[in-house]
PDB file of all heavy atoms in Angstrom:
ATOM      1  N   LEU A   1       0.823  -1.205   0.000  1.00  0.00           N
ATOM      2  CA  LEU A   1       0.000   0.000   0.000  1.00  0.00           C
ATOM      3  C   LEU A   1       0.859   1.258   0.000  1.00  0.00           C
ATOM      4  O   LEU A   1       0.507   2.264  -0.615  1.00  0.00           O
ATOM      5  CB  LEU A   1      -0.908  -0.022   1.236  1.00  0.00           C
ATOM      6  CG  LEU A   1      -1.830   1.168   1.468  1.00  0.00           C
ATOM      7  CD1 LEU A   1      -2.874   1.262   0.370  1.00  0.00           C
ATOM      8  CD2 LEU A   1      -2.517   1.045   2.832  1.00  0.00           C
ATOM      9  N   PHE A   2       2.012   1.188   0.667  1.00  0.00           N
ATOM     10  CA  PHE A   2       2.889   2.351   0.794  1.00  0.00           C
ATOM     11  C   PHE A   2       3.972   2.290  -0.280  1.00  0.00           C
ATOM     12  O   PHE A   2       4.937   1.535  -0.169  1.00  0.00           O
ATOM     13  CB  PHE A   2       3.496   2.409   2.194  1.00  0.00           C
ATOM     14  CG  PHE A   2       2.468   2.681   3.250  1.00  0.00           C
ATOM     15  CD1 PHE A   2       1.798   1.635   3.865  1.00  0.00           C
ATOM     16  CD2 PHE A   2       2.145   3.987   3.606  1.00  0.00           C
ATOM     17  CE1 PHE A   2       0.828   1.885   4.827  1.00  0.00           C
ATOM     18  CE2 PHE A   2       1.183   4.243   4.564  1.00  0.00           C
ATOM     19  CZ  PHE A   2       0.521   3.192   5.176  1.00  0.00           C
ATOM     20  N   ARG A   3       3.782   3.075  -1.322  1.00  0.00           N
ATOM     21  CA  ARG A   3       4.670   3.077  -2.478  1.00  0.00           C
ATOM     22  C   ARG A   3       5.721   4.176  -2.367  1.00  0.00           C
ATOM     23  O   ARG A   3       5.503   5.183  -1.693  1.00  0.00           O
ATOM     24  CB  ARG A   3       3.856   3.266  -3.755  1.00  0.00           C
ATOM     25  CG  ARG A   3       2.857   2.143  -4.006  1.00  0.00           C
ATOM     26  CD  ARG A   3       2.092   2.364  -5.293  1.00  0.00           C
ATOM     27  NE  ARG A   3       1.230   1.230  -5.606  1.00  0.00           N
ATOM     28  CZ  ARG A   3       0.464   1.149  -6.688  1.00  0.00           C
ATOM     29  NH1 ARG A   3       0.447   2.175  -7.563  1.00  0.00           N
ATOM     30  NH2 ARG A   3      -0.281   0.096  -6.902  1.00  0.00           N
ATOM     31  N   PRO A   4       6.864   4.006  -3.045  1.00  0.00           N
ATOM     32  CA  PRO A   4       7.920   5.022  -2.991  1.00  0.00           C
ATOM     33  C   PRO A   4       7.460   6.410  -3.406  1.00  0.00           C
ATOM     34  O   PRO A   4       8.001   7.416  -2.929  1.00  0.00           O
ATOM     35  CB  PRO A   4       8.981   4.468  -3.949  1.00  0.00           C
ATOM     36  CG  PRO A   4       8.777   2.994  -3.927  1.00  0.00           C
ATOM     37  CD  PRO A   4       7.292   2.795  -3.789  1.00  0.00           C
ATOM     38  N   GLU A   5       6.450   6.493  -4.279  1.00  0.00           N
ATOM     39  CA  GLU A   5       5.950   7.796  -4.733  1.00  0.00           C
ATOM     40  C   GLU A   5       5.432   8.640  -3.570  1.00  0.00           C
ATOM     41  O   GLU A   5       5.378   9.877  -3.658  1.00  0.00           O
ATOM     42  CB  GLU A   5       4.839   7.601  -5.764  1.00  0.00           C
ATOM     43  CG  GLU A   5       5.300   7.067  -7.102  1.00  0.00           C
ATOM     44  CD  GLU A   5       5.450   5.552  -7.143  1.00  0.00           C
ATOM     45  OE1 GLU A   5       5.276   4.899  -6.072  1.00  0.00           O
ATOM     46  OE2 GLU A   5       5.748   5.009  -8.218  1.00  0.00           O
ATOM     47  N   LEU A   6       5.057   7.987  -2.480  1.00  0.00           N
ATOM     48  CA  LEU A   6       4.560   8.725  -1.317  1.00  0.00           C
ATOM     49  C   LEU A   6       5.627   9.656  -0.763  1.00  0.00           C
ATOM     50  O   LEU A   6       5.320  10.730  -0.233  1.00  0.00           O
ATOM     51  CB  LEU A   6       4.110   7.734  -0.244  1.00  0.00           C
ATOM     52  CG  LEU A   6       3.387   8.303   0.982  1.00  0.00           C
ATOM     53  CD1 LEU A   6       2.058   8.934   0.575  1.00  0.00           C
ATOM     54  CD2 LEU A   6       3.164   7.212   2.018  1.00  0.00           C
ATOM     55  N   LEU A   7       6.893   9.279  -0.911  1.00  0.00           N
ATOM     56  CA  LEU A   7       7.993  10.084  -0.392  1.00  0.00           C
ATOM     57  C   LEU A   7       8.193  11.379  -1.176  1.00  0.00           C
ATOM     58  O   LEU A   7       8.903  12.280  -0.711  1.00  0.00           O
ATOM     59  CB  LEU A   7       9.290   9.268  -0.399  1.00  0.00           C
ATOM     60  CG  LEU A   7       9.268   7.965   0.414  1.00  0.00           C
ATOM     61  CD1 LEU A   7      10.579   7.226   0.240  1.00  0.00           C
ATOM     62  CD2 LEU A   7       8.990   8.244   1.882  1.00  0.00           C
ATOM     63  N   ASP A   8       7.588  11.463  -2.355  1.00  0.00           N
ATOM     64  CA  ASP A   8       7.723  12.665  -3.176  1.00  0.00           C
ATOM     65  C   ASP A   8       6.776  13.779  -2.755  1.00  0.00           C
ATOM     66  O   ASP A   8       6.916  14.918  -3.209  1.00  0.00           O
ATOM     67  CB  ASP A   8       7.473  12.330  -4.655  1.00  0.00           C
ATOM     68  CG  ASP A   8       8.489  11.359  -5.222  1.00  0.00           C
ATOM     69  OD1 ASP A   8       9.641  11.365  -4.730  1.00  0.00           O
ATOM     70  OD2 ASP A   8       8.139  10.598  -6.139  1.00  0.00           O
ATOM     71  N   ASP A   9       5.816  13.459  -1.896  1.00  0.00           N
ATOM     72  CA  ASP A   9       4.844  14.459  -1.452  1.00  0.00           C
ATOM     73  C   ASP A   9       5.480  15.318  -0.356  1.00  0.00           C
ATOM     74  O   ASP A   9       5.796  14.811   0.726  1.00  0.00           O
ATOM     75  CB  ASP A   9       3.596  13.768  -0.918  1.00  0.00           C
ATOM     76  CG  ASP A   9       2.481  14.743  -0.560  1.00  0.00           C
ATOM     77  OD1 ASP A   9       2.749  15.966  -0.491  1.00  0.00           O
ATOM     78  OD2 ASP A   9       1.344  14.296  -0.355  1.00  0.00           O
ATOM     79  N   PRO A  10       5.658  16.614  -0.595  1.00  0.00           N
ATOM     80  CA  PRO A  10       6.344  17.456   0.391  1.00  0.00           C
ATOM     81  C   PRO A  10       5.568  17.672   1.684  1.00  0.00           C
ATOM     82  O   PRO A  10       6.141  18.147   2.671  1.00  0.00           O
ATOM     83  CB  PRO A  10       6.546  18.776  -0.361  1.00  0.00           C
ATOM     84  CG  PRO A  10       5.471  18.795  -1.391  1.00  0.00           C
ATOM     85  CD  PRO A  10       5.285  17.370  -1.806  1.00  0.00           C
ATOM     86  N   ALA A  11       4.285  17.332   1.685  1.00  0.00           N
ATOM     87  CA  ALA A  11       3.477  17.538   2.891  1.00  0.00           C
ATOM     88  C   ALA A  11       3.284  16.253   3.692  1.00  0.00           C
ATOM     89  O   ALA A  11       2.613  16.269   4.724  1.00  0.00           O
ATOM     90  CB  ALA A  11       2.108  18.112   2.515  1.00  0.00           C
ATOM     91  N   THR A  12       3.876  15.144   3.234  1.00  0.00           N
ATOM     92  CA  THR A  12       3.706  13.856   3.902  1.00  0.00           C
ATOM     93  C   THR A  12       5.022  13.405   4.512  1.00  0.00           C
ATOM     94  O   THR A  12       6.061  13.428   3.841  1.00  0.00           O
ATOM     95  CB  THR A  12       3.202  12.794   2.910  1.00  0.00           C
ATOM     96  OG1 THR A  12       1.928  13.188   2.388  1.00  0.00           O
ATOM     97  CG2 THR A  12       3.040  11.445   3.595  1.00  0.00           C
ATOM     98  N   PHE A  13       4.964  12.974   5.773  1.00  0.00           N
ATOM     99  CA  PHE A  13       6.156  12.563   6.495  1.00  0.00           C
ATOM    100  C   PHE A  13       5.890  11.210   7.150  1.00  0.00           C
ATOM    101  O   PHE A  13       5.038  11.097   8.034  1.00  0.00           O
ATOM    102  CB  PHE A  13       6.511  13.597   7.569  1.00  0.00           C
ATOM    103  CG  PHE A  13       6.775  14.968   7.008  1.00  0.00           C
ATOM    104  CD1 PHE A  13       5.716  15.812   6.667  1.00  0.00           C
ATOM    105  CD2 PHE A  13       8.069  15.415   6.799  1.00  0.00           C
ATOM    106  CE1 PHE A  13       5.946  17.077   6.143  1.00  0.00           C
ATOM    107  CE2 PHE A  13       8.308  16.675   6.270  1.00  0.00           C
ATOM    108  CZ  PHE A  13       7.251  17.497   5.938  1.00  0.00           C
ATOM    109  N   VAL A  14       6.602  10.187   6.692  1.00  0.00           N
ATOM    110  CA  VAL A  14       6.496   8.863   7.288  1.00  0.00           C
ATOM    111  C   VAL A  14       7.497   8.804   8.436  1.00  0.00           C
ATOM    112  O   VAL A  14       8.692   9.008   8.243  1.00  0.00           O
ATOM    113  CB  VAL A  14       6.782   7.765   6.254  1.00  0.00           C
ATOM    114  CG1 VAL A  14       6.684   6.388   6.892  1.00  0.00           C
ATOM    115  CG2 VAL A  14       5.807   7.868   5.078  1.00  0.00           C
ATOM    116  N   LEU A  15       7.008   8.520   9.636  1.00  0.00           N
ATOM    117  CA  LEU A  15       7.817   8.567  10.850  1.00  0.00           C
ATOM    118  C   LEU A  15       8.088   7.156  11.354  1.00  0.00           C
ATOM    119  O   LEU A  15       7.154   6.360  11.511  1.00  0.00           O
ATOM    120  CB  LEU A  15       7.101   9.372  11.934  1.00  0.00           C
ATOM    121  CG  LEU A  15       6.538  10.735  11.502  1.00  0.00           C
ATOM    122  CD1 LEU A  15       5.801  11.390  12.662  1.00  0.00           C
ATOM    123  CD2 LEU A  15       7.649  11.641  10.973  1.00  0.00           C
ATOM    124  N   ALA A  16       9.358   6.857  11.625  1.00  0.00           N
ATOM    125  CA  ALA A  16       9.744   5.517  12.050  1.00  0.00           C
ATOM    126  C   ALA A  16      10.442   5.562  13.396  1.00  0.00           C
ATOM    127  O   ALA A  16      11.384   6.335  13.595  1.00  0.00           O
ATOM    128  CB  ALA A  16      10.665   4.879  11.015  1.00  0.00           C
ATOM    129  N   GLY A  17       9.981   4.725  14.318  1.00  0.00           N
ATOM    130  CA  GLY A  17      10.633   4.551  15.605  1.00  0.00           C
ATOM    131  C   GLY A  17      11.452   3.272  15.581  1.00  0.00           C
ATOM    132  O   GLY A  17      10.910   2.180  15.340  1.00  0.00           O
ATOM    133  N   GLN A  18      12.748   3.391  15.809  1.00  0.00           N
ATOM    134  CA  GLN A  18      13.653   2.258  15.638  1.00  0.00           C
ATOM    135  C   GLN A  18      14.326   1.867  16.946  1.00  0.00           C
ATOM    136  O   GLN A  18      14.617   2.704  17.799  1.00  0.00           O
ATOM    137  CB  GLN A  18      14.731   2.603  14.605  1.00  0.00           C
ATOM    138  CG  GLN A  18      14.168   2.899  13.226  1.00  0.00           C
ATOM    139  CD  GLN A  18      15.242   3.308  12.237  1.00  0.00           C
ATOM    140  OE1 GLN A  18      16.165   4.043  12.588  1.00  0.00           O
ATOM    141  NE2 GLN A  18      15.139   2.838  11.017  1.00  0.00           N
ATOM    142  N   SER A  19      14.612   0.574  17.037  1.00  0.00           N
ATOM    143  CA  SER A  19      15.376   0.052  18.167  1.00  0.00           C
ATOM    144  C   SER A  19      16.850   0.355  17.963  1.00  0.00           C
ATOM    145  O   SER A  19      17.263   0.856  16.907  1.00  0.00           O
ATOM    146  CB  SER A  19      15.162  -1.460  18.272  1.00  0.00           C
ATOM    147  OG  SER A  19      15.642  -2.104  17.099  1.00  0.00           O
ATOM    148  N   ALA A  20      17.674   0.005  18.949  1.00  0.00           N
ATOM    149  CA  ALA A  20      19.102   0.272  18.859  1.00  0.00           C
ATOM    150  C   ALA A  20      19.758  -0.458  17.698  1.00  0.00           C
ATOM    151  O   ALA A  20      20.763   0.007  17.149  1.00  0.00           O
ATOM    152  CB  ALA A  20      19.782  -0.106  20.178  1.00  0.00           C
ATOM    153  N   ASP A  21      19.194  -1.602  17.306  1.00  0.00           N
ATOM    154  CA  ASP A  21      19.762  -2.350  16.186  1.00  0.00           C
ATOM    155  C   ASP A  21      19.115  -2.006  14.846  1.00  0.00           C
ATOM    156  O   ASP A  21      19.328  -2.691  13.848  1.00  0.00           O
ATOM    157  CB  ASP A  21      19.671  -3.855  16.435  1.00  0.00           C
ATOM    158  CG  ASP A  21      18.235  -4.346  16.616  1.00  0.00           C
ATOM    159  OD1 ASP A  21      17.303  -3.510  16.527  1.00  0.00           O
ATOM    160  OD2 ASP A  21      18.042  -5.548  16.843  1.00  0.00           O
ATOM    161  N   GLY A  22      18.312  -0.929  14.810  1.00  0.00           N
ATOM    162  CA  GLY A  22      17.773  -0.424  13.550  1.00  0.00           C
ATOM    163  C   GLY A  22      16.459  -1.017  13.107  1.00  0.00           C
ATOM    164  O   GLY A  22      15.982  -0.705  12.006  1.00  0.00           O
ATOM    165  N   ARG A  23      15.811  -1.843  13.909  1.00  0.00           N
ATOM    166  CA  ARG A  23      14.520  -2.415  13.533  1.00  0.00           C
ATOM    167  C   ARG A  23      13.391  -1.412  13.768  1.00  0.00           C
ATOM    168  O   ARG A  23      13.373  -0.726  14.788  1.00  0.00           O
ATOM    169  CB  ARG A  23      14.236  -3.694  14.332  1.00  0.00           C
ATOM    170  CG  ARG A  23      15.149  -4.860  13.985  1.00  0.00           C
ATOM    171  CD  ARG A  23      14.809  -6.074  14.825  1.00  0.00           C
ATOM    172  NE  ARG A  23      14.988  -5.805  16.243  1.00  0.00           N
ATOM    173  CZ  ARG A  23      14.073  -6.054  17.177  1.00  0.00           C
ATOM    174  NH1 ARG A  23      12.882  -6.525  16.843  1.00  0.00           N
ATOM    175  NH2 ARG A  23      14.328  -5.794  18.448  1.00  0.00           N
ATOM    176  N   VAL A  24      12.463  -1.336  12.821  1.00  0.00           N
ATOM    177  CA  VAL A  24      11.299  -0.456  12.973  1.00  0.00           C
ATOM    178  C   VAL A  24      10.299  -1.134  13.899  1.00  0.00           C
ATOM    179  O   VAL A  24       9.787  -2.212  13.590  1.00  0.00           O
ATOM    180  CB  VAL A  24      10.646  -0.150  11.615  1.00  0.00           C
ATOM    181  CG1 VAL A  24       9.414   0.729  11.815  1.00  0.00           C
ATOM    182  CG2 VAL A  24      11.628   0.535  10.674  1.00  0.00           C
ATOM    183  N   LEU A  25      10.036  -0.503  15.020  1.00  0.00           N
ATOM    184  CA  LEU A  25       9.119  -1.058  16.014  1.00  0.00           C
ATOM    185  C   LEU A  25       7.859  -0.225  16.196  1.00  0.00           C
ATOM    186  O   LEU A  25       6.912  -0.667  16.847  1.00  0.00           O
ATOM    187  CB  LEU A  25       9.824  -1.186  17.367  1.00  0.00           C
ATOM    188  CG  LEU A  25      11.037  -2.125  17.414  1.00  0.00           C
ATOM    189  CD1 LEU A  25      11.604  -2.169  18.824  1.00  0.00           C
ATOM    190  CD2 LEU A  25      10.666  -3.533  16.943  1.00  0.00           C
TER     191      LEU A  25
END
């Protein structure tokens, strides 16, 4: 559902919370 084109939208920000080893949690 989440395509790379979403990153081109200047008003959209995908936020990721990561563990110390870099995993998205």
